[in-house]
Every structure is written in structure tokens, then in C-alpha cells.
PDB file of N, CA and C in Angstrom:
ATOM      1  N   MET A   1    -138.368  72.604 116.264  1.00  0.00           N
ATOM      2  CA  MET A   1    -137.256  73.377 116.789  1.00  0.00           C
ATOM      3  C   MET A   1    -135.951  72.611 116.620  1.00  0.00           C
ATOM      4  N   ASN A   2    -134.907  73.343 116.429  1.00  0.00           N
ATOM      5  CA  ASN A   2    -133.598  72.728 116.318  1.00  0.00           C
ATOM      6  C   ASN A   2    -132.854  73.016 117.618  1.00  0.00           C
ATOM      7  N   ASN A   3    -132.759  72.022 118.473  1.00  0.00           N
ATOM      8  CA  ASN A   3    -132.104  72.192 119.767  1.00  0.00           C
ATOM      9  C   ASN A   3    -130.720  71.549 119.784  1.00  0.00           C
ATOM     10  N   THR A   4    -130.039  71.559 118.661  1.00  0.00           N
ATOM     11  CA  THR A   4    -128.715  70.966 118.585  1.00  0.00           C
ATOM     12  C   THR A   4    -127.739  71.781 119.427  1.00  0.00           C
ATOM     13  N   SER A   5    -127.060  71.118 120.334  1.00  0.00           N
ATOM     14  CA  SER A   5    -126.112  71.791 121.213  1.00  0.00           C
ATOM     15  C   SER A   5    -124.863  72.186 120.437  1.00  0.00           C
ATOM     16  N   LYS A   6    -124.378  73.379 120.720  1.00  0.00           N
ATOM     17  CA  LYS A   6    -123.139  73.837 120.109  1.00  0.00           C
ATOM     18  C   LYS A   6    -121.969  73.695 121.084  1.00  0.00           C
ATOM     19  N   THR A   7    -122.218  73.022 122.199  1.00  0.00           N
ATOM     20  CA  THR A   7    -121.187  72.810 123.210  1.00  0.00           C
ATOM     21  C   THR A   7    -120.252  71.693 122.773  1.00  0.00           C
ATOM     22  N   ASP A   8    -118.977  71.890 122.963  1.00  0.00           N
ATOM     23  CA  ASP A   8    -117.980  70.865 122.649  1.00  0.00           C
ATOM     24  C   ASP A   8    -117.892  69.916 123.850  1.00  0.00           C
ATOM     25  N   TRP A   9    -118.819  68.953 123.904  1.00  0.00           N
ATOM     26  CA  TRP A   9    -118.916  68.061 125.063  1.00  0.00           C
ATOM     27  C   TRP A   9    -117.672  67.209 125.254  1.00  0.00           C
ATOM     28  N   SER A  10    -116.990  66.816 124.194  1.00  0.00           N
ATOM     29  CA  SER A  10    -115.777  66.014 124.351  1.00  0.00           C
ATOM     30  C   SER A  10    -114.694  66.820 125.062  1.00  0.00           C
ATOM     31  N   ARG A  11    -114.607  68.118 124.770  1.00  0.00           N
ATOM     32  CA  ARG A  11    -113.641  68.979 125.458  1.00  0.00           C
ATOM     33  C   ARG A  11    -114.025  69.139 126.929  1.00  0.00           C
ATOM     34  N   ILE A  12    -115.313  69.300 127.193  1.00  0.00           N
ATOM     35  CA  ILE A  12    -115.791  69.424 128.579  1.00  0.00           C
ATOM     36  C   ILE A  12    -115.499  68.144 129.350  1.00  0.00           C
ATOM     37  N   ASP A  13    -115.796  66.999 128.741  1.00  0.00           N
ATOM     38  CA  ASP A  13    -115.546  65.709 129.404  1.00  0.00           C
ATOM     39  C   ASP A  13    -114.065  65.498 129.710  1.00  0.00           C
ATOM     40  N   ALA A  14    -113.196  66.054 128.869  1.00  0.00           N
ATOM     41  CA  ALA A  14    -111.756  65.861 129.059  1.00  0.00           C
ATOM     42  C   ALA A  14    -111.192  66.765 130.152  1.00  0.00           C
ATOM     43  N   MET A  15    -111.938  67.781 130.583  1.00  0.00           N
ATOM     44  CA  MET A  15    -111.446  68.696 131.617  1.00  0.00           C
ATOM     45  C   MET A  15    -111.446  68.018 132.986  1.00  0.00           C
ATOM     46  N   SER A  16    -110.456  68.358 133.769  1.00  0.00           N
ATOM     47  CA  SER A  16    -110.425  67.851 135.140  1.00  0.00           C
ATOM     48  C   SER A  16    -111.085  68.872 136.063  1.00  0.00           C
ATOM     49  N   ASP A  17    -111.347  68.493 137.286  1.00  0.00           N
ATOM     50  CA  ASP A  17    -112.017  69.374 138.237  1.00  0.00           C
ATOM     51  C   ASP A  17    -111.222  70.641 138.537  1.00  0.00           C
ATOM     52  N   GLU A  18    -109.913  70.614 138.345  1.00  0.00           N
ATOM     53  CA  GLU A  18    -109.091  71.784 138.660  1.00  0.00           C
ATOM     54  C   GLU A  18    -109.430  72.981 137.773  1.00  0.00           C
ATOM     55  N   TYR A  19    -110.081  72.749 136.623  1.00  0.00           N
ATOM     56  CA  TYR A  19    -110.445  73.836 135.723  1.00  0.00           C
ATOM     57  C   TYR A  19    -111.751  74.515 136.114  1.00  0.00           C
ATOM     58  N   MET A  20    -112.500  73.903 137.038  1.00  0.00           N
ATOM     59  CA  MET A  20    -113.788  74.461 137.439  1.00  0.00           C
ATOM     60  C   MET A  20    -113.603  75.509 138.525  1.00  0.00           C
ATOM     61  N   ASP A  21    -114.146  76.687 138.265  1.00  0.00           N
ATOM     62  CA  ASP A  21    -114.066  77.780 139.229  1.00  0.00           C
ATOM     63  C   ASP A  21    -115.313  77.746 140.106  1.00  0.00           C
ATOM     64  N   THR A  22    -115.159  77.324 141.331  1.00  0.00           N
ATOM     65  CA  THR A  22    -116.276  77.255 142.271  1.00  0.00           C
ATOM     66  C   THR A  22    -116.156  78.328 143.350  1.00  0.00           C
ATOM     67  N   SER A  23    -115.322  79.331 143.125  1.00  0.00           N
ATOM     68  CA  SER A  23    -115.063  80.341 144.147  1.00  0.00           C
ATOM     69  C   SER A  23    -116.291  81.192 144.475  1.00  0.00           C
ATOM     70  N   ASP A  24    -117.263  81.263 143.557  1.00  0.00           N
ATOM     71  CA  ASP A  24    -118.448  82.079 143.813  1.00  0.00           C
ATOM     72  C   ASP A  24    -119.588  81.289 144.462  1.00  0.00           C
ATOM     73  N   ILE A  25    -119.365  80.020 144.773  1.00  0.00           N
ATOM     74  CA  ILE A  25    -120.385  79.189 145.414  1.00  0.00           C
ATOM     75  C   ILE A  25    -120.126  79.173 146.916  1.00  0.00           C
ATOM     76  N   PRO A  26    -121.068  79.708 147.705  1.00  0.00           N
ATOM     77  CA  PRO A  26    -120.843  79.727 149.153  1.00  0.00           C
ATOM     78  C   PRO A  26    -120.926  78.316 149.736  1.00  0.00           C
ATOM     79  N   PRO A  27    -120.186  78.034 150.795  1.00  0.00           N
ATOM     80  CA  PRO A  27    -120.264  76.720 151.419  1.00  0.00           C
ATOM     81  C   PRO A  27    -121.636  76.515 152.062  1.00  0.00           C
ATOM     82  N   LEU A  28    -122.088  75.278 152.106  1.00  0.00           N
ATOM     83  CA  LEU A  28    -123.370  74.958 152.724  1.00  0.00           C
ATOM     84  C   LEU A  28    -123.167  74.660 154.197  1.00  0.00           C
ATOM     85  N   SER A  29    -124.017  75.258 155.021  1.00  0.00           N
ATOM     86  CA  SER A  29    -123.923  75.048 156.467  1.00  0.00           C
ATOM     87  C   SER A  29    -124.661  73.773 156.863  1.00  0.00           C
ATOM     88  N   ASP A  30    -124.442  73.324 158.102  1.00  0.00           N
ATOM     89  CA  ASP A  30    -125.160  72.161 158.611  1.00  0.00           C
ATOM     90  C   ASP A  30    -126.657  72.428 158.654  1.00  0.00           C
ATOM     91  N   GLU A  31    -127.034  73.687 158.889  1.00  0.00           N
ATOM     92  CA  GLU A  31    -128.450  74.056 158.939  1.00  0.00           C
ATOM     93  C   GLU A  31    -129.148  73.774 157.603  1.00  0.00           C
ATOM     94  N   PHE A  32    -128.427  73.947 156.518  1.00  0.00           N
ATOM     95  CA  PHE A  32    -128.990  73.691 155.196  1.00  0.00           C
ATOM     96  C   PHE A  32    -129.493  72.254 155.091  1.00  0.00           C
ATOM     97  N   PHE A  33    -128.776  71.315 155.681  1.00  0.00           N
ATOM     98  CA  PHE A  33    -129.118  69.899 155.563  1.00  0.00           C
ATOM     99  C   PHE A  33    -130.105  69.422 156.621  1.00  0.00           C
ATOM    100  N   THR A  34    -130.496  70.281 157.567  1.00  0.00           N
ATOM    101  CA  THR A  34    -131.427  69.863 158.623  1.00  0.00           C
ATOM    102  C   THR A  34    -132.883  69.961 158.199  1.00  0.00           C
ATOM    103  N   LYS A  35    -133.159  70.724 157.155  1.00  0.00           N
ATOM    104  CA  LYS A  35    -134.547  70.919 156.716  1.00  0.00           C
ATOM    105  C   LYS A  35    -134.694  70.615 155.221  1.00  0.00           C
ATOM    106  N   PRO A  36    -134.378  69.408 154.806  1.00  0.00           N
ATOM    107  CA  PRO A  36    -134.492  69.111 153.372  1.00  0.00           C
ATOM    108  C   PRO A  36    -135.957  69.062 152.934  1.00  0.00           C
ATOM    109  N   GLN A  37    -136.215  69.465 151.711  1.00  0.00           N
ATOM    110  CA  GLN A  37    -137.558  69.406 151.137  1.00  0.00           C
ATOM    111  C   GLN A  37    -137.463  68.776 149.759  1.00  0.00           C
ATOM    112  N   LEU A  38    -138.289  67.765 149.539  1.00  0.00           N
ATOM    113  CA  LEU A  38    -138.364  67.138 148.227  1.00  0.00           C
ATOM    114  C   LEU A  38    -139.290  67.976 147.359  1.00  0.00           C
ATOM    115  N   ARG A  39    -138.795  68.458 146.258  1.00  0.00           N
ATOM    116  CA  ARG A  39    -139.603  69.264 145.346  1.00  0.00           C
ATOM    117  C   ARG A  39    -139.719  68.539 144.018  1.00  0.00           C
ATOM    118  N   MET A  40    -140.938  68.184 143.690  1.00  0.00           N
ATOM    119  CA  MET A  40    -141.209  67.481 142.441  1.00  0.00           C
ATOM    120  C   MET A  40    -141.717  68.490 141.411  1.00  0.00           C
ATOM    121  N   PRO A  41    -141.326  68.316 140.149  1.00  0.00           N
ATOM    122  CA  PRO A  41    -141.836  69.227 139.123  1.00  0.00           C
ATOM    123  C   PRO A  41    -143.334  69.027 138.942  1.00  0.00           C
ATOM    124  N   LYS A  42    -144.017  70.111 138.644  1.00  0.00           N
ATOM    125  CA  LYS A  42    -145.453  70.035 138.401  1.00  0.00           C
ATOM    126  C   LYS A  42    -145.698  69.454 137.022  1.00  0.00           C
ATOM    127  N   SER A  43    -146.817  68.763 136.887  1.00  0.00           N
ATOM    128  CA  SER A  43    -147.184  68.188 135.594  1.00  0.00           C
ATOM    129  C   SER A  43    -147.504  69.310 134.616  1.00  0.00           C
ATOM    130  N   PRO A  44    -147.152  69.124 133.356  1.00  0.00           N
ATOM    131  CA  PRO A  44    -147.474  70.167 132.379  1.00  0.00           C
ATOM    132  C   PRO A  44    -148.985  70.284 132.185  1.00  0.00           C
ATOM    133  N   VAL A  45    -149.419  71.457 131.827  1.00  0.00           N
ATOM    134  CA  VAL A  45    -150.830  71.716 131.576  1.00  0.00           C
ATOM    135  C   VAL A  45    -151.063  71.615 130.072  1.00  0.00           C
ATOM    136  N   LYS A  46    -152.103  70.878 129.693  1.00  0.00           N
ATOM    137  CA  LYS A  46    -152.457  70.785 128.281  1.00  0.00           C
ATOM    138  C   LYS A  46    -153.476  71.865 127.960  1.00  0.00           C
ATOM    139  N   VAL A  47    -153.239  72.550 126.853  1.00  0.00           N
ATOM    140  CA  VAL A  47    -154.113  73.637 126.435  1.00  0.00           C
ATOM    141  C   VAL A  47    -154.506  73.400 124.985  1.00  0.00           C
ATOM    142  N   ALA A  48    -155.779  73.569 124.686  1.00  0.00           N
ATOM    143  CA  ALA A  48    -156.258  73.435 123.308  1.00  0.00           C
ATOM    144  C   ALA A  48    -156.771  74.797 122.845  1.00  0.00           C
ATOM    145  N   PHE A  49    -156.419  75.165 121.624  1.00  0.00           N
ATOM    146  CA  PHE A  49    -156.894  76.424 121.068  1.00  0.00           C
ATOM    147  C   PHE A  49    -156.955  76.297 119.561  1.00  0.00           C
ATOM    148  N   GLN A  50    -157.696  77.197 118.956  1.00  0.00           N
ATOM    149  CA  GLN A  50    -157.813  77.190 117.503  1.00  0.00           C
ATOM    150  C   GLN A  50    -156.854  78.224 116.926  1.00  0.00           C
ATOM    151  N   ILE A  51    -156.292  77.870 115.774  1.00  0.00           N
ATOM    152  CA  ILE A  51    -155.312  78.739 115.127  1.00  0.00           C
ATOM    153  C   ILE A  51    -155.541  78.662 113.620  1.00  0.00           C
ATOM    154  N   ASP A  52    -155.321  79.754 112.931  1.00  0.00           N
ATOM    155  CA  ASP A  52    -155.581  79.728 111.490  1.00  0.00           C
ATOM    156  C   ASP A  52    -154.525  78.878 110.789  1.00  0.00           C
ATOM    157  N   PRO A  53    -154.883  78.297 109.646  1.00  0.00           N
ATOM    158  CA  PRO A  53    -153.974  77.369 108.945  1.00  0.00           C
ATOM    159  C   PRO A  53    -152.621  77.970 108.571  1.00  0.00           C
ATOM    160  N   GLU A  54    -152.578  79.261 108.222  1.00  0.00           N
ATOM    161  CA  GLU A  54    -151.310  79.875 107.831  1.00  0.00           C
ATOM    162  C   GLU A  54    -150.351  79.968 109.015  1.00  0.00           C
ATOM    163  N   THR A  55    -150.887  80.334 110.171  1.00  0.00           N
ATOM    164  CA  THR A  55    -150.056  80.422 111.368  1.00  0.00           C
ATOM    165  C   THR A  55    -149.568  79.038 111.774  1.00  0.00           C
ATOM    166  N   PHE A  56    -150.447  78.051 111.700  1.00  0.00           N
ATOM    167  CA  PHE A  56    -150.057  76.680 112.036  1.00  0.00           C
ATOM    168  C   PHE A  56    -148.971  76.195 111.084  1.00  0.00           C
ATOM    169  N   ALA A  57    -149.094  76.501 109.809  1.00  0.00           N
ATOM    170  CA  ALA A  57    -148.075  76.100 108.827  1.00  0.00           C
ATOM    171  C   ALA A  57    -146.736  76.750 109.158  1.00  0.00           C
ATOM    172  N   TRP A  58    -146.768  78.013 109.615  1.00  0.00           N
ATOM    173  CA  TRP A  58    -145.525  78.685 109.990  1.00  0.00           C
ATOM    174  C   TRP A  58    -144.851  77.962 111.144  1.00  0.00           C
ATOM    175  N   PHE A  59    -145.624  77.598 112.185  1.00  0.00           N
ATOM    176  CA  PHE A  59    -145.046  76.871 113.315  1.00  0.00           C
ATOM    177  C   PHE A  59    -144.487  75.523 112.871  1.00  0.00           C
ATOM    178  N   GLN A  60    -145.192  74.834 111.997  1.00  0.00           N
ATOM    179  CA  GLN A  60    -144.697  73.545 111.497  1.00  0.00           C
ATOM    180  C   GLN A  60    -143.377  73.725 110.753  1.00  0.00           C
ATOM    181  N   ALA A  61    -143.243  74.805 110.033  1.00  0.00           N
ATOM    182  CA  ALA A  61    -142.022  75.049 109.264  1.00  0.00           C
ATOM    183  C   ALA A  61    -140.825  75.333 110.175  1.00  0.00           C
ATOM    184  N   GLN A  62    -141.080  75.696 111.441  1.00  0.00           N
ATOM    185  CA  GLN A  62    -139.988  75.986 112.365  1.00  0.00           C
ATOM    186  C   GLN A  62    -139.297  74.728 112.848  1.00  0.00           C
ATOM    187  N   GLY A  63    -139.930  73.584 112.720  1.00  0.00           N
ATOM    188  CA  GLY A  63    -139.314  72.335 113.156  1.00  0.00           C
ATOM    189  C   GLY A  63    -140.372  71.360 113.626  1.00  0.00           C
ATOM    190  N   GLU A  64    -139.883  70.273 114.177  1.00  0.00           N
ATOM    191  CA  GLU A  64    -140.763  69.189 114.590  1.00  0.00           C
ATOM    192  C   GLU A  64    -141.698  69.647 115.717  1.00  0.00           C
ATOM    193  N   ILE A  65    -142.949  69.267 115.602  1.00  0.00           N
ATOM    194  CA  ILE A  65    -143.950  69.576 116.625  1.00  0.00           C
ATOM    195  C   ILE A  65    -144.332  68.256 117.301  1.00  0.00           C
ATOM    196  N   ALA A  66    -144.236  68.239 118.619  1.00  0.00           N
ATOM    197  CA  ALA A  66    -144.615  67.040 119.372  1.00  0.00           C
ATOM    198  C   ALA A  66    -146.126  67.019 119.512  1.00  0.00           C
ATOM    199  N   GLU A  67    -146.750  65.984 118.977  1.00  0.00           N
ATOM    200  CA  GLU A  67    -148.205  65.846 119.099  1.00  0.00           C
ATOM    201  C   GLU A  67    -148.509  64.839 120.183  1.00  0.00           C
ATOM    202  N   GLN A  68    -149.536  65.154 120.950  1.00  0.00           N
ATOM    203  CA  GLN A  68    -149.920  64.231 122.032  1.00  0.00           C
ATOM    204  C   GLN A  68    -151.356  63.844 121.890  1.00  0.00           C
TER     205      GLN A  68
END
């Protein structure tokens, strides 16, 4: 896969906070901070399956495949 970002990060980095519109974000109440919960991401599930060679070749042609 080609995950090249098309974002102009140098332009974003040069922006000051005054350009950020946070008007749609509601303020957090004190109650929000009284019941914090740590949420950890779940481990990925590994799945093995058989696939015909032509289909596998097509996926390989789409970009780099991470092998584990």
C-alpha cells in the first residue's frame, strides 16, 4: 500500500493556535475527570487462510505486504 500523506505538514506546523477552530468542542466538566478509565488497544488477531496464486499476486502488486 502507498500511504504517503498528501498533507502539507510544514504549513500545518507553521500555523499558530489562533487558526484552530475549536468552537464545536464542548468544554469538559469536572465530572469528566472524576471517573477516568485507561483503555488499552486490543492485540491484533492473526488469521491464516489459503488463497489462489493469482489473487495473492494481485495483492502483492498493490504494494508492500508486511510478513510476520
